[in-house]
Amino acid sequence: MNNETTLNSDPLGTGQHNMAIPTATPSTPTLTIAVLTKNEAHRIRNCLQSAAFADQCIVVDSGSTDNTRELAQAEGAEVFNYPDWQGFAVQRNRLLQHSTCDYVFFLDADEVITPELQAELTAVVQSGARAVWKIQWRMVAFGHELKYFRSQSKVERLFRRDMLVEYIGVVHEQAVLNEEPTPRHVLHARLLHYSRETVYGSLEKLAQYAMLGAAKRAAKGKRGGVLRGIASGMSMFLRLYIGQLGFLCGGAGFLYCFFVGLEGFFRYAALEYDRATLRTDIVR
């Protein structure tokens, strides 16, 4: 269709022809999908294939020793290697530096965008709205989707690029915006999250998250201890296993809730007994 407006250039009847002046066509907003990686060769293809609809896909790698970067490049992503680990906020800020689109959606390597979520993200971007959008997860653990598990986490993932200043934080990074208050919305379609694939991997993640969580609390002057750890771990386990219906998800549901509870316990145990050696330069 020819986007033109026809104007009468001869209002006095001089016999001259009308002329067509093109009208300005608003540009369609664009989307960057940004991913952090470290040794994710076994799942990066599924992640990036689900993000292929975006105008730009960026991967910031933290010095993988497998072929994560090569696989990401083969899927069409722009890949940047920053092995000098300084924390999650710094890595996300590096993603921002390379983002060239109007919107940016942060995707983890263990997540997959479903067709329903793709359609919703596309609609939001095309709307041009100025807001922040949160996602909710469909959890997959130990090879089983936790169909009855009520994941209540709502994580900010989609931003207007010109509103997002930077990320701060060690474990759970927080976005700093240049416009507040800013409306927050929750996307209806859920993001598929392959949270825990193996028991061995879960033990590694348990150690990483517990130590990072302990370091974060130590920086705030909080106290640790076994009793505090027991209270935290039991509370987290019961909230997930009973309150969020993990008990309906079989053995995989129990293991998922149990590992999260263990993380709560060891966080406070480490805060008490490893306080002098806690550090934040642990790669997730």
Protein backbone atom coordinates (compact mmCIF):
# COMPACT_ATOMS: atom_id res chain seq x y z
CA MET A 1 0.00 0.00 0.00
CA ASN A 2 1.35 3.44 -0.96
CA ASN A 3 1.39 5.68 2.11
CA GLU A 4 0.72 9.00 0.42
CA THR A 5 -1.46 12.02 1.06
CA THR A 6 -2.66 13.86 -2.06
CA LEU A 7 -2.76 17.64 -1.74
CA ASN A 8 -4.42 20.10 -4.11
CA SER A 9 -1.58 22.31 -5.32
CA ASP A 10 -3.85 24.44 -7.53
CA PRO A 11 -6.55 25.98 -5.30
CA LEU A 12 -6.98 28.93 -7.72
CA GLY A 13 -7.67 26.72 -10.74
CA THR A 14 -4.49 27.37 -12.71
CA GLY A 15 -4.66 23.94 -14.32
CA GLN A 16 -1.63 22.47 -12.61
CA HIS A 17 -1.64 18.84 -11.44
CA ASN A 18 -2.03 17.64 -7.92
CA MET A 19 1.20 16.51 -6.22
CA ALA A 20 1.63 13.55 -3.85
CA ILE A 21 3.61 14.14 -0.65
CA PRO A 22 4.66 11.01 1.26
CA THR A 23 3.60 10.87 4.90
CA ALA A 24 5.95 9.73 7.64
CA THR A 25 5.49 6.06 8.54
CA PRO A 26 6.00 5.34 12.24
CA SER A 27 8.76 2.80 12.79
CA THR A 28 7.81 -0.52 14.36
CA PRO A 29 9.33 -0.98 17.84
CA THR A 30 12.04 -3.63 18.01
CA LEU A 31 13.01 -6.27 20.56
CA THR A 32 16.36 -7.50 21.87
CA ILE A 33 16.49 -10.81 23.73
CA ALA A 34 19.54 -10.96 26.00
CA VAL A 35 21.04 -14.11 27.54
CA LEU A 36 23.84 -14.75 30.06
CA THR A 37 25.76 -18.01 29.72
CA LYS A 38 28.50 -20.09 31.33
CA ASN A 39 28.98 -23.66 30.07
CA GLU A 40 25.44 -24.00 28.70
CA ALA A 41 26.23 -26.07 25.60
CA HIS A 42 23.68 -28.73 26.54
CA ARG A 43 20.73 -26.32 26.42
CA ILE A 44 21.65 -23.04 24.72
CA ARG A 45 20.23 -24.12 21.34
CA ASN A 46 16.72 -24.71 22.68
CA CYS A 47 16.86 -21.40 24.50
CA LEU A 48 17.99 -19.37 21.48
CA GLN A 49 15.72 -21.16 19.02
CA SER A 50 12.76 -20.05 21.12
CA ALA A 51 14.08 -16.47 20.91
CA ALA A 52 14.66 -16.44 17.14
CA PHE A 53 11.66 -14.16 16.52
CA ALA A 54 13.45 -11.21 18.16
CA ASP A 55 15.09 -8.47 16.11
CA GLN A 56 18.34 -8.99 18.01
CA CYS A 57 19.65 -11.84 20.16
CA ILE A 58 22.67 -11.17 22.38
CA VAL A 59 24.70 -13.62 24.43
CA VAL A 60 27.20 -12.43 27.05
CA ASP A 61 29.33 -15.40 28.07
CA SER A 62 31.35 -15.64 31.27
CA GLY A 63 34.26 -17.65 29.89
CA SER A 64 32.69 -20.99 29.00
CA THR A 65 35.09 -23.91 28.61
CA ASP A 66 32.66 -25.88 26.43
CA ASN A 67 31.33 -24.81 23.00
CA THR A 68 28.53 -22.59 24.28
CA ARG A 69 29.73 -19.56 22.32
CA GLU A 70 30.09 -21.47 19.06
CA LEU A 71 26.61 -22.97 19.37
CA ALA A 72 25.13 -19.56 20.15
CA GLN A 73 26.79 -18.03 17.10
CA ALA A 74 25.43 -20.87 14.96
CA GLU A 75 21.92 -19.91 16.11
CA GLY A 76 22.47 -16.34 14.90
CA ALA A 77 23.16 -14.68 18.24
CA GLU A 78 25.66 -11.86 18.73
CA VAL A 79 28.14 -13.35 21.20
CA PHE A 80 30.46 -11.44 23.53
CA ASN A 81 32.91 -13.06 25.93
CA TYR A 82 33.60 -11.43 29.32
CA PRO A 83 35.50 -13.97 31.45
CA ASP A 84 36.39 -11.35 34.11
CA TRP A 85 33.48 -12.25 36.38
CA GLN A 86 32.37 -9.30 38.53
CA GLY A 87 28.84 -10.37 39.39
CA PHE A 88 25.46 -10.80 37.76
CA ALA A 89 24.61 -7.11 37.68
CA VAL A 90 27.81 -6.30 35.78
CA GLN A 91 27.11 -9.03 33.23
CA ARG A 92 23.55 -7.81 32.69
CA ASN A 93 24.85 -4.28 32.26
CA ARG A 94 27.16 -5.61 29.56
CA LEU A 95 24.12 -7.05 27.81
CA LEU A 96 22.56 -3.61 27.95
CA GLN A 97 25.64 -2.04 26.36
CA HIS A 98 25.17 -4.23 23.29
CA SER A 99 21.39 -3.86 23.03
CA THR A 100 20.27 -1.75 20.08
CA CYS A 101 16.49 -2.23 20.12
CA ASP A 102 13.59 -0.36 21.73
CA TYR A 103 12.79 -3.16 24.19
CA VAL A 104 14.97 -5.71 25.92
CA PHE A 105 13.84 -9.06 27.34
CA PHE A 106 16.22 -10.93 29.63
CA LEU A 107 16.16 -14.69 29.12
CA ASP A 108 18.16 -17.26 31.09
CA ALA A 109 19.86 -20.15 29.33
CA ASP A 110 17.68 -22.67 31.21
CA GLU A 111 14.47 -21.05 29.95
CA VAL A 112 12.40 -21.47 26.78
CA ILE A 113 9.88 -19.01 25.36
CA THR A 114 6.63 -20.78 24.47
CA PRO A 115 4.64 -19.82 21.34
CA GLU A 116 2.02 -18.23 23.59
CA LEU A 117 4.60 -16.06 25.34
CA GLN A 118 6.16 -15.14 22.00
CA ALA A 119 2.82 -13.84 20.77
CA GLU A 120 2.31 -11.84 23.96
CA LEU A 121 5.81 -10.34 23.87
CA THR A 122 5.32 -9.34 20.23
CA ALA A 123 2.03 -7.64 21.03
CA VAL A 124 3.54 -5.71 23.96
CA VAL A 125 6.49 -4.51 21.89
CA GLN A 126 4.26 -3.43 19.01
CA SER A 127 2.11 -1.44 21.43
CA GLY A 128 5.04 0.85 22.27
CA ALA A 129 3.91 1.05 25.90
CA ARG A 130 6.22 2.47 28.55
CA ALA A 131 6.17 0.04 31.46
CA VAL A 132 7.90 -2.99 32.96
CA TRP A 133 6.61 -6.53 32.48
CA LYS A 134 7.09 -9.47 34.82
CA ILE A 135 7.12 -13.16 33.95
CA GLN A 136 5.93 -16.24 35.80
CA TRP A 137 7.39 -19.71 35.32
CA ARG A 138 6.18 -23.14 34.30
CA MET A 139 8.64 -25.24 36.27
CA VAL A 140 10.44 -28.32 34.93
CA ALA A 141 12.60 -30.27 37.39
CA PHE A 142 14.43 -33.58 37.09
CA GLY A 143 12.87 -34.30 33.70
CA HIS A 144 9.26 -33.65 34.76
CA GLU A 145 7.07 -30.61 34.39
CA LEU A 146 5.64 -29.70 37.79
CA LYS A 147 2.15 -29.25 36.37
CA TYR A 148 0.38 -28.65 39.67
CA PHE A 149 3.06 -26.51 41.25
CA ARG A 150 1.88 -22.95 41.84
CA SER A 151 4.94 -20.89 41.05
CA GLN A 152 4.26 -17.48 42.57
CA SER A 153 7.52 -15.77 41.63
CA LYS A 154 7.09 -12.71 39.44
CA VAL A 155 10.37 -11.49 37.95
CA GLU A 156 10.89 -8.30 35.96
CA ARG A 157 12.21 -9.24 32.52
CA LEU A 158 10.86 -6.94 29.79
CA PHE A 159 11.86 -3.27 29.73
CA ARG A 160 11.89 -0.24 27.50
CA ARG A 161 15.59 0.12 26.73
CA ASP A 162 15.50 3.90 27.16
CA MET A 163 14.05 3.52 30.66
CA LEU A 164 16.53 0.96 32.01
CA VAL A 165 19.63 2.61 33.47
CA GLU A 166 21.51 -0.31 35.00
CA TYR A 167 21.40 -3.39 37.20
CA ILE A 168 22.66 -3.58 40.76
CA GLY A 169 22.97 -6.50 43.18
CA VAL A 170 24.94 -9.70 43.70
CA VAL A 171 22.52 -12.65 43.60
CA HIS A 172 19.11 -11.40 42.52
CA GLU A 173 19.89 -8.36 40.41
CA GLN A 174 17.61 -5.34 40.57
CA ALA A 175 16.86 -2.97 37.71
CA VAL A 176 17.30 0.78 38.15
CA LEU A 177 14.95 2.89 36.01
CA ASN A 178 15.04 6.56 35.05
CA GLU A 179 11.24 6.88 35.28
CA GLU A 180 9.47 6.18 38.55
CA PRO A 181 6.79 5.40 39.32
CA THR A 182 6.56 3.06 36.33
CA PRO A 183 3.59 0.74 35.72
CA ARG A 184 4.33 -2.96 36.30
CA HIS A 185 2.37 -5.65 34.46
CA VAL A 186 2.44 -9.46 34.62
CA LEU A 187 2.56 -11.37 31.34
CA HIS A 188 -0.20 -13.98 31.15
CA ALA A 189 1.71 -16.67 29.24
CA ARG A 190 4.33 -18.41 31.37
CA LEU A 191 8.02 -18.92 30.68
CA LEU A 192 9.21 -22.53 30.62
CA HIS A 193 11.95 -22.88 33.23
CA TYR A 194 14.17 -25.99 33.36
CA SER A 195 15.18 -25.24 36.92
CA ARG A 196 16.94 -28.39 38.08
CA GLU A 197 17.96 -31.13 35.65
CA THR A 198 19.97 -33.51 37.85
CA VAL A 199 20.62 -34.16 41.52
CA TYR A 200 24.34 -33.48 41.00
CA GLY A 201 23.63 -30.16 39.30
CA SER A 202 21.22 -29.26 42.08
CA LEU A 203 23.92 -29.88 44.67
CA GLU A 204 26.24 -27.53 42.79
CA LYS A 205 23.51 -24.89 42.56
CA LEU A 206 22.73 -25.37 46.26
CA ALA A 207 26.33 -24.52 47.19
CA GLN A 208 26.47 -21.50 44.87
CA TYR A 209 23.15 -19.98 45.92
CA ALA A 210 23.64 -20.66 49.62
CA MET A 211 27.05 -18.98 49.65
CA LEU A 212 25.93 -16.00 47.57
CA GLY A 213 22.85 -15.56 49.75
CA ALA A 214 25.00 -15.74 52.88
CA ALA A 215 27.41 -13.13 51.48
CA LYS A 216 24.54 -10.81 50.66
CA ARG A 217 23.17 -11.07 54.20
CA ALA A 218 26.61 -10.66 55.75
CA ALA A 219 27.00 -7.38 53.87
CA LYS A 220 23.80 -6.20 55.55
CA GLY A 221 25.04 -7.20 58.99
CA LYS A 222 22.57 -10.04 59.49
CA ARG A 223 23.17 -12.95 61.86
CA GLY A 224 23.30 -16.62 61.00
CA GLY A 225 23.16 -19.89 62.93
CA VAL A 226 21.81 -23.42 62.83
CA LEU A 227 18.47 -22.60 64.45
CA ARG A 228 17.88 -19.71 62.10
CA GLY A 229 18.78 -22.01 59.22
CA ILE A 230 16.37 -24.70 60.38
CA ALA A 231 13.57 -22.15 60.69
CA SER A 232 14.28 -20.69 57.26
CA GLY A 233 14.68 -24.05 55.54
CA MET A 234 11.55 -25.60 57.07
CA SER A 235 9.51 -22.51 56.30
CA MET A 236 10.61 -22.50 52.66
CA PHE A 237 10.05 -26.24 52.21
CA LEU A 238 6.55 -26.20 53.73
CA ARG A 239 5.54 -23.11 51.76
CA LEU A 240 6.55 -24.77 48.49
CA TYR A 241 5.61 -28.38 49.20
CA ILE A 242 2.26 -27.72 50.90
CA GLY A 243 1.25 -24.15 50.11
CA GLN A 244 2.27 -24.23 46.44
CA LEU A 245 1.16 -27.86 45.90
CA GLY A 246 4.57 -29.41 45.36
CA PHE A 247 3.24 -32.57 47.01
CA LEU A 248 1.04 -33.14 43.94
CA CYS A 249 4.07 -33.32 41.65
CA GLY A 250 5.52 -36.65 42.76
CA GLY A 251 9.16 -37.31 43.54
CA ALA A 252 10.39 -34.49 41.29
CA GLY A 253 8.18 -32.06 43.20
CA PHE A 254 9.57 -33.24 46.53
CA LEU A 255 13.17 -32.97 45.37
CA TYR A 256 12.63 -29.46 44.00
CA CYS A 257 11.08 -28.20 47.25
CA PHE A 258 13.65 -30.03 49.38
CA PHE A 259 16.62 -28.47 47.59
CA VAL A 260 15.14 -24.99 47.94
CA GLY A 261 14.63 -25.63 51.65
CA LEU A 262 18.22 -26.85 51.99
CA GLU A 263 19.41 -23.65 50.37
CA GLY A 264 17.58 -21.68 53.05
CA PHE A 265 19.21 -23.75 55.80
CA PHE A 266 22.80 -23.62 54.50
CA ARG A 267 22.53 -19.90 53.79
CA TYR A 268 22.26 -19.20 57.53
CA ALA A 269 24.70 -21.95 58.47
CA ALA A 270 27.33 -20.43 56.18
CA LEU A 271 26.52 -16.99 57.50
CA GLU A 272 27.52 -18.21 60.97
CA TYR A 273 30.41 -20.58 60.30
CA ASP A 274 31.91 -19.33 56.99
CA ARG A 275 31.39 -15.62 57.55
CA ALA A 276 35.07 -14.71 57.31
CA THR A 277 35.50 -16.42 53.92
CA LEU A 278 32.24 -15.47 52.20
CA ARG A 279 32.63 -13.87 48.78
CA THR A 280 30.43 -12.77 45.93
CA ASP A 281 32.62 -13.75 42.95
CA ILE A 282 30.94 -17.13 42.52
CA VAL A 283 29.67 -17.77 39.00
CA ARG A 284 26.11 -19.06 38.92
